[in-house]
Amino acid sequence: MERHVDQELGELNKDILKIGALTEEAIYKSVEALKNRDKEMAKNVIDNDTNIDKLELDVDEKCIDLIARYQPMAKDLRLITTGMKINSELERIADIAVDIAQRTLEIADKPLLKPLVDIPKLATVAQNMVKMAIDAFVKGDIVLAKKVLSSDSEADQLRNEIQRELVEDYMAKDSSTAPRAVQLLLIARFLERICDHTTNIAEDVIYMVQAEVVRHHPEKLKNGR
Protein backbone atom coordinates (compact mmCIF):
# COMPACT_ATOMS: atom_id res chain seq x y z
CA MET A 1 0.00 0.00 0.00
CA GLU A 2 1.44 3.35 -1.05
CA ARG A 3 2.19 5.78 1.74
CA HIS A 4 0.88 9.32 1.39
CA VAL A 5 4.44 10.60 1.72
CA ASP A 6 5.43 8.63 -1.40
CA GLN A 7 3.03 10.70 -3.48
CA GLU A 8 4.49 13.92 -2.11
CA LEU A 9 8.03 12.71 -2.70
CA GLY A 10 7.02 12.00 -6.28
CA GLU A 11 5.82 15.59 -6.59
CA LEU A 12 9.15 16.76 -5.19
CA ASN A 13 10.94 14.79 -7.92
CA LYS A 14 8.75 16.44 -10.56
CA ASP A 15 9.55 19.89 -9.19
CA ILE A 16 13.28 19.20 -9.32
CA LEU A 17 12.93 17.82 -12.85
CA LYS A 18 11.24 21.10 -13.81
CA ILE A 19 14.02 23.22 -12.32
CA GLY A 20 16.57 20.96 -14.01
CA ALA A 21 14.89 21.42 -17.40
CA LEU A 22 14.78 25.20 -16.99
CA THR A 23 18.43 25.18 -15.96
CA GLU A 24 19.47 23.11 -18.99
CA GLU A 25 17.53 25.54 -21.20
CA ALA A 26 19.29 28.51 -19.60
CA ILE A 27 22.71 26.99 -20.32
CA TYR A 28 21.74 26.23 -23.92
CA LYS A 29 20.27 29.67 -24.59
CA SER A 30 23.19 31.52 -23.01
CA VAL A 31 25.67 29.80 -25.34
CA GLU A 32 23.37 30.05 -28.38
CA ALA A 33 23.12 33.78 -27.66
CA LEU A 34 26.92 33.95 -27.69
CA LYS A 35 27.23 31.98 -30.93
CA ASN A 36 24.60 34.06 -32.74
CA ARG A 37 25.35 37.45 -31.15
CA ASP A 38 21.73 37.38 -30.03
CA LYS A 39 21.23 40.05 -27.37
CA GLU A 40 17.51 39.36 -27.03
CA MET A 41 18.15 35.71 -26.22
CA ALA A 42 20.81 36.70 -23.68
CA LYS A 43 18.36 39.10 -22.04
CA ASN A 44 15.75 36.33 -22.00
CA VAL A 45 18.11 34.12 -19.99
CA ILE A 46 18.61 36.93 -17.48
CA ASP A 47 14.91 37.75 -17.22
CA ASN A 48 13.83 34.11 -16.79
CA ASP A 49 16.16 33.59 -13.86
CA THR A 50 13.50 34.98 -11.52
CA ASN A 51 11.27 32.01 -12.39
CA ILE A 52 14.00 29.59 -11.35
CA ASP A 53 14.61 31.55 -8.16
CA LYS A 54 10.92 31.30 -7.27
CA LEU A 55 10.83 27.57 -7.95
CA GLU A 56 13.93 27.08 -5.81
CA LEU A 57 12.25 28.80 -2.87
CA ASP A 58 9.07 26.77 -3.39
CA VAL A 59 10.98 23.49 -3.38
CA ASP A 60 12.90 24.44 -0.26
CA GLU A 61 9.65 25.22 1.52
CA LYS A 62 8.15 21.93 0.35
CA CYS A 63 11.16 19.99 1.68
CA ILE A 64 11.01 21.71 5.07
CA ASP A 65 7.26 21.05 5.23
CA LEU A 66 7.79 17.35 4.44
CA ILE A 67 10.37 17.03 7.21
CA ALA A 68 8.13 18.85 9.70
CA ARG A 69 5.00 16.83 8.95
CA TYR A 70 6.43 13.33 8.46
CA GLN A 71 9.66 13.42 10.50
CA PRO A 72 11.19 11.01 7.96
CA MET A 73 14.01 8.64 8.77
CA ALA A 74 16.78 6.90 6.83
CA LYS A 75 16.20 6.78 3.05
CA ASP A 76 13.25 9.19 3.03
CA LEU A 77 15.21 11.76 5.00
CA ARG A 78 18.22 11.38 2.71
CA LEU A 79 15.99 11.84 -0.34
CA ILE A 80 14.46 15.06 1.00
CA THR A 81 17.74 16.57 2.18
CA THR A 82 19.41 15.59 -1.09
CA GLY A 83 16.53 17.25 -2.93
CA MET A 84 17.23 20.46 -1.03
CA LYS A 85 20.93 20.32 -1.90
CA ILE A 86 20.26 19.61 -5.57
CA ASN A 87 17.70 22.39 -5.66
CA SER A 88 20.36 24.81 -4.40
CA GLU A 89 22.99 23.55 -6.87
CA LEU A 90 20.59 23.98 -9.80
CA GLU A 91 19.80 27.53 -8.76
CA ARG A 92 23.52 28.30 -8.66
CA ILE A 93 23.97 26.73 -12.10
CA ALA A 94 21.15 28.91 -13.45
CA ASP A 95 22.91 31.95 -11.96
CA ILE A 96 26.05 30.98 -13.85
CA ALA A 97 24.03 30.80 -17.08
CA VAL A 98 23.02 34.39 -16.31
CA ASP A 99 26.71 35.27 -15.91
CA ILE A 100 27.36 33.81 -19.38
CA ALA A 101 24.47 35.81 -20.83
CA GLN A 102 25.82 39.00 -19.25
CA ARG A 103 29.27 38.38 -20.72
CA THR A 104 27.59 37.78 -24.08
CA LEU A 105 25.95 41.19 -23.90
CA GLU A 106 29.39 42.71 -23.29
CA ILE A 107 30.77 41.40 -26.60
CA ALA A 108 27.64 40.99 -28.74
CA ASP A 109 28.36 44.13 -30.78
CA LYS A 110 31.99 43.21 -31.38
CA PRO A 111 33.29 40.79 -34.04
CA LEU A 112 34.01 37.30 -32.81
CA LEU A 113 37.64 36.84 -31.88
CA LYS A 114 37.63 33.32 -33.36
CA PRO A 115 35.14 30.71 -34.53
CA LEU A 116 33.49 29.16 -31.48
CA VAL A 117 34.25 25.44 -31.39
CA ASP A 118 35.35 24.30 -27.94
CA ILE A 119 33.02 26.57 -25.94
CA PRO A 120 29.89 25.01 -27.52
CA LYS A 121 31.45 21.57 -26.93
CA LEU A 122 31.99 22.44 -23.28
CA ALA A 123 28.43 23.74 -23.04
CA THR A 124 27.13 20.44 -24.42
CA VAL A 125 29.15 18.52 -21.85
CA ALA A 126 27.73 20.74 -19.12
CA GLN A 127 24.14 20.28 -20.32
CA ASN A 128 24.55 16.51 -20.57
CA MET A 129 26.04 16.35 -17.09
CA VAL A 130 23.11 18.31 -15.65
CA LYS A 131 20.60 16.03 -17.37
CA MET A 132 22.38 12.87 -16.24
CA ALA A 133 22.66 14.14 -12.67
CA ILE A 134 18.95 14.92 -12.45
CA ASP A 135 18.05 11.56 -13.97
CA ALA A 136 20.36 9.87 -11.48
CA PHE A 137 18.53 11.59 -8.64
CA VAL A 138 15.04 10.73 -9.86
CA LYS A 139 15.95 7.10 -10.63
CA GLY A 140 18.30 6.64 -7.67
CA ASP A 141 20.88 5.46 -10.20
CA ILE A 142 24.42 5.27 -8.81
CA VAL A 143 25.89 4.09 -12.13
CA LEU A 144 24.56 7.21 -13.85
CA ALA A 145 25.81 9.39 -11.00
CA LYS A 146 29.30 7.94 -11.41
CA LYS A 147 29.11 8.62 -15.16
CA VAL A 148 28.55 12.28 -14.30
CA LEU A 149 31.67 12.27 -12.13
CA SER A 150 33.76 10.66 -14.87
CA SER A 151 32.59 13.31 -17.37
CA ASP A 152 34.14 16.11 -15.33
CA SER A 153 37.64 15.35 -16.64
CA GLU A 154 36.44 16.04 -20.20
CA ALA A 155 35.10 19.41 -19.07
CA ASP A 156 38.42 20.25 -17.42
CA GLN A 157 40.35 19.33 -20.57
CA LEU A 158 38.14 21.48 -22.77
CA ARG A 159 38.42 24.43 -20.39
CA ASN A 160 42.22 24.07 -20.35
CA GLU A 161 42.38 23.93 -24.15
CA ILE A 162 40.20 27.03 -24.49
CA GLN A 163 42.38 28.87 -21.99
CA ARG A 164 45.61 27.79 -23.68
CA GLU A 165 44.42 28.86 -27.13
CA LEU A 166 43.09 32.25 -26.05
CA VAL A 167 46.18 33.13 -24.01
CA GLU A 168 48.91 31.75 -26.27
CA ASP A 169 47.41 32.22 -29.73
CA TYR A 170 45.68 35.55 -29.19
CA MET A 171 46.45 37.56 -26.05
CA ALA A 172 50.20 36.84 -26.08
CA LYS A 173 50.48 37.71 -29.78
CA ASP A 174 48.17 40.71 -29.92
CA SER A 175 47.28 42.56 -26.72
CA SER A 176 44.37 44.33 -28.46
CA THR A 177 42.47 41.02 -28.42
CA ALA A 178 42.57 40.89 -24.61
CA PRO A 179 39.15 42.47 -23.87
CA ARG A 180 37.30 39.95 -26.07
CA ALA A 181 39.55 37.05 -25.06
CA VAL A 182 38.98 37.70 -21.36
CA GLN A 183 35.21 37.49 -21.83
CA LEU A 184 35.58 34.11 -23.57
CA LEU A 185 37.94 32.93 -20.83
CA LEU A 186 35.33 33.84 -18.24
CA ILE A 187 32.60 32.02 -20.16
CA ALA A 188 34.75 28.89 -20.35
CA ARG A 189 35.42 29.14 -16.62
CA PHE A 190 31.70 29.59 -15.95
CA LEU A 191 30.87 26.46 -17.94
CA GLU A 192 33.51 24.47 -16.06
CA ARG A 193 32.00 25.69 -12.78
CA ILE A 194 28.62 24.40 -13.93
CA CYS A 195 30.22 20.99 -14.33
CA ASP A 196 31.68 21.25 -10.82
CA HIS A 197 28.25 21.97 -9.36
CA THR A 198 26.89 19.01 -11.29
CA THR A 199 29.48 16.68 -9.79
CA ASN A 200 28.27 17.87 -6.38
CA ILE A 201 24.78 16.71 -7.36
CA ALA A 202 26.10 13.32 -8.46
CA GLU A 203 27.99 12.88 -5.18
CA ASP A 204 24.85 13.76 -3.24
CA VAL A 205 22.89 11.16 -5.22
CA ILE A 206 25.41 8.48 -4.27
CA TYR A 207 25.02 9.46 -0.63
CA MET A 208 21.23 9.42 -0.95
CA VAL A 209 21.18 5.89 -2.36
CA GLN A 210 23.84 4.14 -0.31
CA ALA A 211 24.41 6.46 2.66
CA GLU A 212 28.09 6.83 1.84
CA VAL A 213 30.00 10.07 1.47
CA VAL A 214 32.25 10.02 -1.60
CA ARG A 215 32.97 13.74 -1.72
CA HIS A 216 36.69 14.26 -1.03
CA HIS A 217 37.09 10.44 -1.10
CA PRO A 218 37.75 9.50 -4.75
CA GLU A 219 39.29 6.20 -3.67
CA LYS A 220 35.80 4.94 -2.81
CA LEU A 221 34.73 5.42 -6.40
CA LYS A 222 37.84 3.70 -7.73
CA ASN A 223 37.15 0.74 -5.51
CA GLY A 224 33.65 0.51 -6.97
CA ARG A 225 32.01 1.16 -3.63
C-alpha atoms as a PDB file:
ATOM      1  CA  MET A   1       0.000   0.000   0.000  1.00  0.00           C
ATOM      2  CA  GLU A   2       1.436   3.354  -1.051  1.00  0.00           C
ATOM      3  CA  ARG A   3       2.195   5.778   1.744  1.00  0.00           C
ATOM      4  CA  HIS A   4       0.878   9.315   1.391  1.00  0.00           C
ATOM      5  CA  VAL A   5       4.438  10.601   1.718  1.00  0.00           C
ATOM      6  CA  ASP A   6       5.427   8.626  -1.402  1.00  0.00           C
ATOM      7  CA  GLN A   7       3.027  10.703  -3.483  1.00  0.00           C
ATOM      8  CA  GLU A   8       4.491  13.920  -2.108  1.00  0.00           C
ATOM      9  CA  LEU A   9       8.032  12.715  -2.701  1.00  0.00           C
ATOM     10  CA  GLY A  10       7.024  12.000  -6.281  1.00  0.00           C
ATOM     11  CA  GLU A  11       5.821  15.588  -6.592  1.00  0.00           C
ATOM     12  CA  LEU A  12       9.145  16.758  -5.195  1.00  0.00           C
ATOM     13  CA  ASN A  13      10.936  14.788  -7.923  1.00  0.00           C
ATOM     14  CA  LYS A  14       8.745  16.442 -10.561  1.00  0.00           C
ATOM     15  CA  ASP A  15       9.551  19.888  -9.191  1.00  0.00           C
ATOM     16  CA  ILE A  16      13.280  19.199  -9.321  1.00  0.00           C
ATOM     17  CA  LEU A  17      12.928  17.824 -12.849  1.00  0.00           C
ATOM     18  CA  LYS A  18      11.239  21.101 -13.808  1.00  0.00           C
ATOM     19  CA  ILE A  19      14.019  23.218 -12.317  1.00  0.00           C
ATOM     20  CA  GLY A  20      16.572  20.960 -14.011  1.00  0.00           C
ATOM     21  CA  ALA A  21      14.889  21.419 -17.402  1.00  0.00           C
ATOM     22  CA  LEU A  22      14.782  25.203 -16.987  1.00  0.00           C
ATOM     23  CA  THR A  23      18.432  25.181 -15.959  1.00  0.00           C
ATOM     24  CA  GLU A  24      19.466  23.115 -18.990  1.00  0.00           C
ATOM     25  CA  GLU A  25      17.530  25.538 -21.195  1.00  0.00           C
ATOM     26  CA  ALA A  26      19.293  28.512 -19.600  1.00  0.00           C
ATOM     27  CA  ILE A  27      22.711  26.988 -20.321  1.00  0.00           C
ATOM     28  CA  TYR A  28      21.737  26.228 -23.920  1.00  0.00           C
ATOM     29  CA  LYS A  29      20.269  29.675 -24.590  1.00  0.00           C
ATOM     30  CA  SER A  30      23.188  31.516 -23.009  1.00  0.00           C
ATOM     31  CA  VAL A  31      25.668  29.801 -25.339  1.00  0.00           C
ATOM     32  CA  GLU A  32      23.374  30.055 -28.376  1.00  0.00           C
ATOM     33  CA  ALA A  33      23.122  33.776 -27.664  1.00  0.00           C
ATOM     34  CA  LEU A  34      26.925  33.949 -27.687  1.00  0.00           C
ATOM     35  CA  LYS A  35      27.226  31.983 -30.934  1.00  0.00           C
ATOM     36  CA  ASN A  36      24.598  34.058 -32.741  1.00  0.00           C
ATOM     37  CA  ARG A  37      25.353  37.447 -31.154  1.00  0.00           C
ATOM     38  CA  ASP A  38      21.728  37.384 -30.034  1.00  0.00           C
ATOM     39  CA  LYS A  39      21.229  40.048 -27.375  1.00  0.00           C
ATOM     40  CA  GLU A  40      17.513  39.359 -27.026  1.00  0.00           C
ATOM     41  CA  MET A  41      18.152  35.712 -26.217  1.00  0.00           C
ATOM     42  CA  ALA A  42      20.805  36.698 -23.680  1.00  0.00           C
ATOM     43  CA  LYS A  43      18.360  39.095 -22.035  1.00  0.00           C
ATOM     44  CA  ASN A  44      15.747  36.328 -22.002  1.00  0.00           C
ATOM     45  CA  VAL A  45      18.105  34.117 -19.986  1.00  0.00           C
ATOM     46  CA  ILE A  46      18.615  36.932 -17.482  1.00  0.00           C
ATOM     47  CA  ASP A  47      14.911  37.747 -17.220  1.00  0.00           C
ATOM     48  CA  ASN A  48      13.832  34.111 -16.793  1.00  0.00           C
ATOM     49  CA  ASP A  49      16.157  33.594 -13.857  1.00  0.00           C
ATOM     50  CA  THR A  50      13.496  34.984 -11.523  1.00  0.00           C
ATOM     51  CA  ASN A  51      11.268  32.013 -12.394  1.00  0.00           C
ATOM     52  CA  ILE A  52      13.996  29.591 -11.351  1.00  0.00           C
ATOM     53  CA  ASP A  53      14.608  31.553  -8.160  1.00  0.00           C
ATOM     54  CA  LYS A  54      10.917  31.303  -7.268  1.00  0.00           C
ATOM     55  CA  LEU A  55      10.833  27.569  -7.950  1.00  0.00           C
ATOM     56  CA  GLU A  56      13.929  27.084  -5.809  1.00  0.00           C
ATOM     57  CA  LEU A  57      12.252  28.801  -2.866  1.00  0.00           C
ATOM     58  CA  ASP A  58       9.068  26.766  -3.386  1.00  0.00           C
ATOM     59  CA  VAL A  59      10.981  23.486  -3.384  1.00  0.00           C
ATOM     60  CA  ASP A  60      12.904  24.436  -0.259  1.00  0.00           C
ATOM     61  CA  GLU A  61       9.647  25.219   1.519  1.00  0.00           C
ATOM     62  CA  LYS A  62       8.154  21.931   0.349  1.00  0.00           C
ATOM     63  CA  CYS A  63      11.159  19.992   1.675  1.00  0.00           C
ATOM     64  CA  ILE A  64      11.005  21.714   5.068  1.00  0.00           C
ATOM     65  CA  ASP A  65       7.264  21.054   5.227  1.00  0.00           C
ATOM     66  CA  LEU A  66       7.794  17.350   4.444  1.00  0.00           C
ATOM     67  CA  ILE A  67      10.366  17.034   7.213  1.00  0.00           C
ATOM     68  CA  ALA A  68       8.135  18.854   9.699  1.00  0.00           C
ATOM     69  CA  ARG A  69       5.002  16.835   8.945  1.00  0.00           C
ATOM     70  CA  TYR A  70       6.425  13.329   8.465  1.00  0.00           C
ATOM     71  CA  GLN A  71       9.662  13.425  10.500  1.00  0.00           C
ATOM     72  CA  PRO A  72      11.193  11.014   7.960  1.00  0.00           C
ATOM     73  CA  MET A  73      14.007   8.639   8.769  1.00  0.00           C
ATOM     74  CA  ALA A  74      16.775   6.900   6.835  1.00  0.00           C
ATOM     75  CA  LYS A  75      16.196   6.778   3.050  1.00  0.00           C
ATOM     76  CA  ASP A  76      13.248   9.193   3.027  1.00  0.00           C
ATOM     77  CA  LEU A  77      15.210  11.756   4.999  1.00  0.00           C
ATOM     78  CA  ARG A  78      18.225  11.384   2.710  1.00  0.00           C
ATOM     79  CA  LEU A  79      15.987  11.842  -0.337  1.00  0.00           C
ATOM     80  CA  ILE A  80      14.460  15.061   1.004  1.00  0.00           C
ATOM     81  CA  THR A  81      17.741  16.574   2.175  1.00  0.00           C
ATOM     82  CA  THR A  82      19.408  15.592  -1.090  1.00  0.00           C
ATOM     83  CA  GLY A  83      16.535  17.245  -2.935  1.00  0.00           C
ATOM     84  CA  MET A  84      17.232  20.457  -1.034  1.00  0.00           C
ATOM     85  CA  LYS A  85      20.932  20.319  -1.899  1.00  0.00           C
ATOM     86  CA  ILE A  86      20.259  19.608  -5.571  1.00  0.00           C
ATOM     87  CA  ASN A  87      17.695  22.395  -5.656  1.00  0.00           C
ATOM     88  CA  SER A  88      20.364  24.815  -4.404  1.00  0.00           C
ATOM     89  CA  GLU A  89      22.993  23.549  -6.867  1.00  0.00           C
ATOM     90  CA  LEU A  90      20.595  23.978  -9.797  1.00  0.00           C
ATOM     91  CA  GLU A  91      19.801  27.531  -8.761  1.00  0.00           C
ATOM     92  CA  ARG A  92      23.517  28.295  -8.665  1.00  0.00           C
ATOM     93  CA  ILE A  93      23.971  26.734 -12.101  1.00  0.00           C
ATOM     94  CA  ALA A  94      21.155  28.908 -13.454  1.00  0.00           C
ATOM     95  CA  ASP A  95      22.908  31.954 -11.958  1.00  0.00           C
ATOM     96  CA  ILE A  96      26.050  30.983 -13.848  1.00  0.00           C
ATOM     97  CA  ALA A  97      24.032  30.799 -17.079  1.00  0.00           C
ATOM     98  CA  VAL A  98      23.016  34.394 -16.313  1.00  0.00           C
ATOM     99  CA  ASP A  99      26.711  35.269 -15.911  1.00  0.00           C
ATOM    100  CA  ILE A 100      27.363  33.807 -19.376  1.00  0.00           C
ATOM    101  CA  ALA A 101      24.474  35.811 -20.825  1.00  0.00           C
ATOM    102  CA  GLN A 102      25.823  38.996 -19.248  1.00  0.00           C
ATOM    103  CA  ARG A 103      29.269  38.381 -20.720  1.00  0.00           C
ATOM    104  CA  THR A 104      27.595  37.779 -24.083  1.00  0.00           C
ATOM    105  CA  LEU A 105      25.948  41.189 -23.902  1.00  0.00           C
ATOM    106  CA  GLU A 106      29.392  42.706 -23.286  1.00  0.00           C
ATOM    107  CA  ILE A 107      30.765  41.399 -26.604  1.00  0.00           C
ATOM    108  CA  ALA A 108      27.640  40.988 -28.745  1.00  0.00           C
ATOM    109  CA  ASP A 109      28.359  44.129 -30.781  1.00  0.00           C
ATOM    110  CA  LYS A 110      31.989  43.207 -31.383  1.00  0.00           C
ATOM    111  CA  PRO A 111      33.290  40.794 -34.045  1.00  0.00           C
ATOM    112  CA  LEU A 112      34.012  37.301 -32.813  1.00  0.00           C
ATOM    113  CA  LEU A 113      37.640  36.835 -31.882  1.00  0.00           C
ATOM    114  CA  LYS A 114      37.627  33.317 -33.359  1.00  0.00           C
ATOM    115  CA  PRO A 115      35.142  30.711 -34.532  1.00  0.00           C
ATOM    116  CA  LEU A 116      33.494  29.156 -31.481  1.00  0.00           C
ATOM    117  CA  VAL A 117      34.251  25.441 -31.387  1.00  0.00           C
ATOM    118  CA  ASP A 118      35.354  24.304 -27.939  1.00  0.00           C
ATOM    119  CA  ILE A 119      33.019  26.572 -25.941  1.00  0.00           C
ATOM    120  CA  PRO A 120      29.895  25.006 -27.518  1.00  0.00           C
ATOM    121  CA  LYS A 121      31.450  21.574 -26.927  1.00  0.00           C
ATOM    122  CA  LEU A 122      31.995  22.444 -23.276  1.00  0.00           C
ATOM    123  CA  ALA A 123      28.427  23.737 -23.042  1.00  0.00           C
ATOM    124  CA  THR A 124      27.127  20.439 -24.425  1.00  0.00           C
ATOM    125  CA  VAL A 125      29.153  18.517 -21.855  1.00  0.00           C
ATOM    126  CA  ALA A 126      27.727  20.736 -19.115  1.00  0.00           C
ATOM    127  CA  GLN A 127      24.142  20.280 -20.322  1.00  0.00           C
ATOM    128  CA  ASN A 128      24.550  16.513 -20.570  1.00  0.00           C
ATOM    129  CA  MET A 129      26.042  16.347 -17.087  1.00  0.00           C
ATOM    130  CA  VAL A 130      23.112  18.313 -15.649  1.00  0.00           C
ATOM    131  CA  LYS A 131      20.602  16.032 -17.373  1.00  0.00           C
ATOM    132  CA  MET A 132      22.381  12.870 -16.237  1.00  0.00           C
ATOM    133  CA  ALA A 133      22.665  14.136 -12.674  1.00  0.00           C
ATOM    134  CA  ILE A 134      18.948  14.922 -12.451  1.00  0.00           C
ATOM    135  CA  ASP A 135      18.051  11.560 -13.975  1.00  0.00           C
ATOM    136  CA  ALA A 136      20.361   9.866 -11.483  1.00  0.00           C
ATOM    137  CA  PHE A 137      18.532  11.588  -8.639  1.00  0.00           C
ATOM    138  CA  VAL A 138      15.035  10.732  -9.863  1.00  0.00           C
ATOM    139  CA  LYS A 139      15.954   7.095 -10.626  1.00  0.00           C
ATOM    140  CA  GLY A 140      18.301   6.645  -7.668  1.00  0.00           C
ATOM    141  CA  ASP A 141      20.880   5.458 -10.196  1.00  0.00           C
ATOM    142  CA  ILE A 142      24.423   5.266  -8.810  1.00  0.00           C
ATOM    143  CA  VAL A 143      25.893   4.095 -12.135  1.00  0.00           C
ATOM    144  CA  LEU A 144      24.559   7.214 -13.854  1.00  0.00           C
ATOM    145  CA  ALA A 145      25.809   9.395 -11.003  1.00  0.00           C
ATOM    146  CA  LYS A 146      29.303   7.944 -11.413  1.00  0.00           C
ATOM    147  CA  LYS A 147      29.105   8.618 -15.156  1.00  0.00           C
ATOM    148  CA  VAL A 148      28.549  12.276 -14.302  1.00  0.00           C
ATOM    149  CA  LEU A 149      31.667  12.272 -12.132  1.00  0.00           C
ATOM    150  CA  SER A 150      33.761  10.657 -14.868  1.00  0.00           C
ATOM    151  CA  SER A 151      32.590  13.306 -17.375  1.00  0.00           C
ATOM    152  CA  ASP A 152      34.141  16.105 -15.327  1.00  0.00           C
ATOM    153  CA  SER A 153      37.638  15.353 -16.641  1.00  0.00           C
ATOM    154  CA  GLU A 154      36.439  16.040 -20.205  1.00  0.00           C
ATOM    155  CA  ALA A 155      35.100  19.405 -19.068  1.00  0.00           C
ATOM    156  CA  ASP A 156      38.420  20.254 -17.418  1.00  0.00           C
ATOM    157  CA  GLN A 157      40.348  19.325 -20.568  1.00  0.00           C
ATOM    158  CA  LEU A 158      38.144  21.480 -22.773  1.00  0.00           C
ATOM    159  CA  ARG A 159      38.420  24.428 -20.386  1.00  0.00           C
ATOM    160  CA  ASN A 160      42.216  24.068 -20.348  1.00  0.00           C
ATOM    161  CA  GLU A 161      42.384  23.926 -24.147  1.00  0.00           C
ATOM    162  CA  ILE A 162      40.198  27.029 -24.490  1.00  0.00           C
ATOM    163  CA  GLN A 163      42.383  28.871 -21.989  1.00  0.00           C
ATOM    164  CA  ARG A 164      45.608  27.790 -23.681  1.00  0.00           C
ATOM    165  CA  GLU A 165      44.418  28.857 -27.126  1.00  0.00           C
ATOM    166  CA  LEU A 166      43.093  32.247 -26.047  1.00  0.00           C
ATOM    167  CA  VAL A 167      46.184  33.127 -24.015  1.00  0.00           C
ATOM    168  CA  GLU A 168      48.913  31.748 -26.275  1.00  0.00           C
ATOM    169  CA  ASP A 169      47.410  32.224 -29.734  1.00  0.00           C
ATOM    170  CA  TYR A 170      45.682  35.548 -29.195  1.00  0.00           C
ATOM    171  CA  MET A 171      46.446  37.558 -26.055  1.00  0.00           C
ATOM    172  CA  ALA A 172      50.199  36.844 -26.081  1.00  0.00           C
ATOM    173  CA  LYS A 173      50.484  37.708 -29.783  1.00  0.00           C
ATOM    174  CA  ASP A 174      48.165  40.714 -29.920  1.00  0.00           C
ATOM    175  CA  SER A 175      47.281  42.559 -26.723  1.00  0.00           C
ATOM    176  CA  SER A 176      44.373  44.329 -28.464  1.00  0.00           C
ATOM    177  CA  THR A 177      42.475  41.024 -28.418  1.00  0.00           C
ATOM    178  CA  ALA A 178      42.574  40.894 -24.614  1.00  0.00           C
ATOM    179  CA  PRO A 179      39.147  42.470 -23.867  1.00  0.00           C
ATOM    180  CA  ARG A 180      37.304  39.955 -26.065  1.00  0.00           C
ATOM    181  CA  ALA A 181      39.549  37.055 -25.059  1.00  0.00           C
ATOM    182  CA  VAL A 182      38.977  37.702 -21.361  1.00  0.00           C
ATOM    183  CA  GLN A 183      35.205  37.489 -21.832  1.00  0.00           C
ATOM    184  CA  LEU A 184      35.577  34.112 -23.570  1.00  0.00           C
ATOM    185  CA  LEU A 185      37.937  32.932 -20.833  1.00  0.00           C
ATOM    186  CA  LEU A 186      35.332  33.845 -18.243  1.00  0.00           C
ATOM    187  CA  ILE A 187      32.602  32.020 -20.158  1.00  0.00           C
ATOM    188  CA  ALA A 188      34.747  28.887 -20.350  1.00  0.00           C
ATOM    189  CA  ARG A 189      35.418  29.139 -16.623  1.00  0.00           C
ATOM    190  CA  PHE A 190      31.702  29.585 -15.946  1.00  0.00           C
ATOM    191  CA  LEU A 191      30.870  26.457 -17.937  1.00  0.00           C
ATOM    192  CA  GLU A 192      33.511  24.473 -16.061  1.00  0.00           C
ATOM    193  CA  ARG A 193      32.002  25.690 -12.779  1.00  0.00           C
ATOM    194  CA  ILE A 194      28.619  24.398 -13.929  1.00  0.00           C
ATOM    195  CA  CYS A 195      30.221  20.993 -14.332  1.00  0.00           C
ATOM    196  CA  ASP A 196      31.682  21.248 -10.825  1.00  0.00           C
ATOM    197  CA  HIS A 197      28.245  21.974  -9.359  1.00  0.00           C
ATOM    198  CA  THR A 198      26.891  19.011 -11.292  1.00  0.00           C
ATOM    199  CA  THR A 199      29.478  16.684  -9.786  1.00  0.00           C
ATOM    200  CA  ASN A 200      28.265  17.868  -6.383  1.00  0.00           C
ATOM    201  CA  ILE A 201      24.782  16.710  -7.361  1.00  0.00           C
ATOM    202  CA  ALA A 202      26.102  13.316  -8.456  1.00  0.00           C
ATOM    203  CA  GLU A 203      27.989  12.880  -5.183  1.00  0.00           C
ATOM    204  CA  ASP A 204      24.849  13.758  -3.242  1.00  0.00           C
ATOM    205  CA  VAL A 205      22.891  11.156  -5.223  1.00  0.00           C
ATOM    206  CA  ILE A 206      25.408   8.478  -4.271  1.00  0.00           C
ATOM    207  CA  TYR A 207      25.016   9.463  -0.627  1.00  0.00           C
ATOM    208  CA  MET A 208      21.227   9.420  -0.953  1.00  0.00           C
ATOM    209  CA  VAL A 209      21.182   5.891  -2.365  1.00  0.00           C
ATOM    210  CA  GLN A 210      23.841   4.142  -0.310  1.00  0.00           C
ATOM    211  CA  ALA A 211      24.410   6.460   2.658  1.00  0.00           C
ATOM    212  CA  GLU A 212      28.094   6.826   1.835  1.00  0.00           C
ATOM    213  CA  VAL A 213      30.003  10.073   1.471  1.00  0.00           C
ATOM    214  CA  VAL A 214      32.255  10.017  -1.603  1.00  0.00           C
ATOM    215  CA  ARG A 215      32.970  13.742  -1.721  1.00  0.00           C
ATOM    216  CA  HIS A 216      36.686  14.258  -1.029  1.00  0.00           C
ATOM    217  CA  HIS A 217      37.085  10.442  -1.104  1.00  0.00           C
ATOM    218  CA  PRO A 218      37.746   9.504  -4.749  1.00  0.00           C
ATOM    219  CA  GLU A 219      39.288   6.195  -3.674  1.00  0.00           C
ATOM    220  CA  LYS A 220      35.801   4.942  -2.807  1.00  0.00           C
ATOM    221  CA  LEU A 221      34.730   5.422  -6.401  1.00  0.00           C
ATOM    222  CA  LYS A 222      37.845   3.699  -7.733  1.00  0.00           C
ATOM    223  CA  ASN A 223      37.152   0.739  -5.507  1.00  0.00           C
ATOM    224  CA  GLY A 224      33.653   0.507  -6.970  1.00  0.00           C
ATOM    225  CA  ARG A 225      32.010   1.161  -3.627  1.00  0.00           C
END
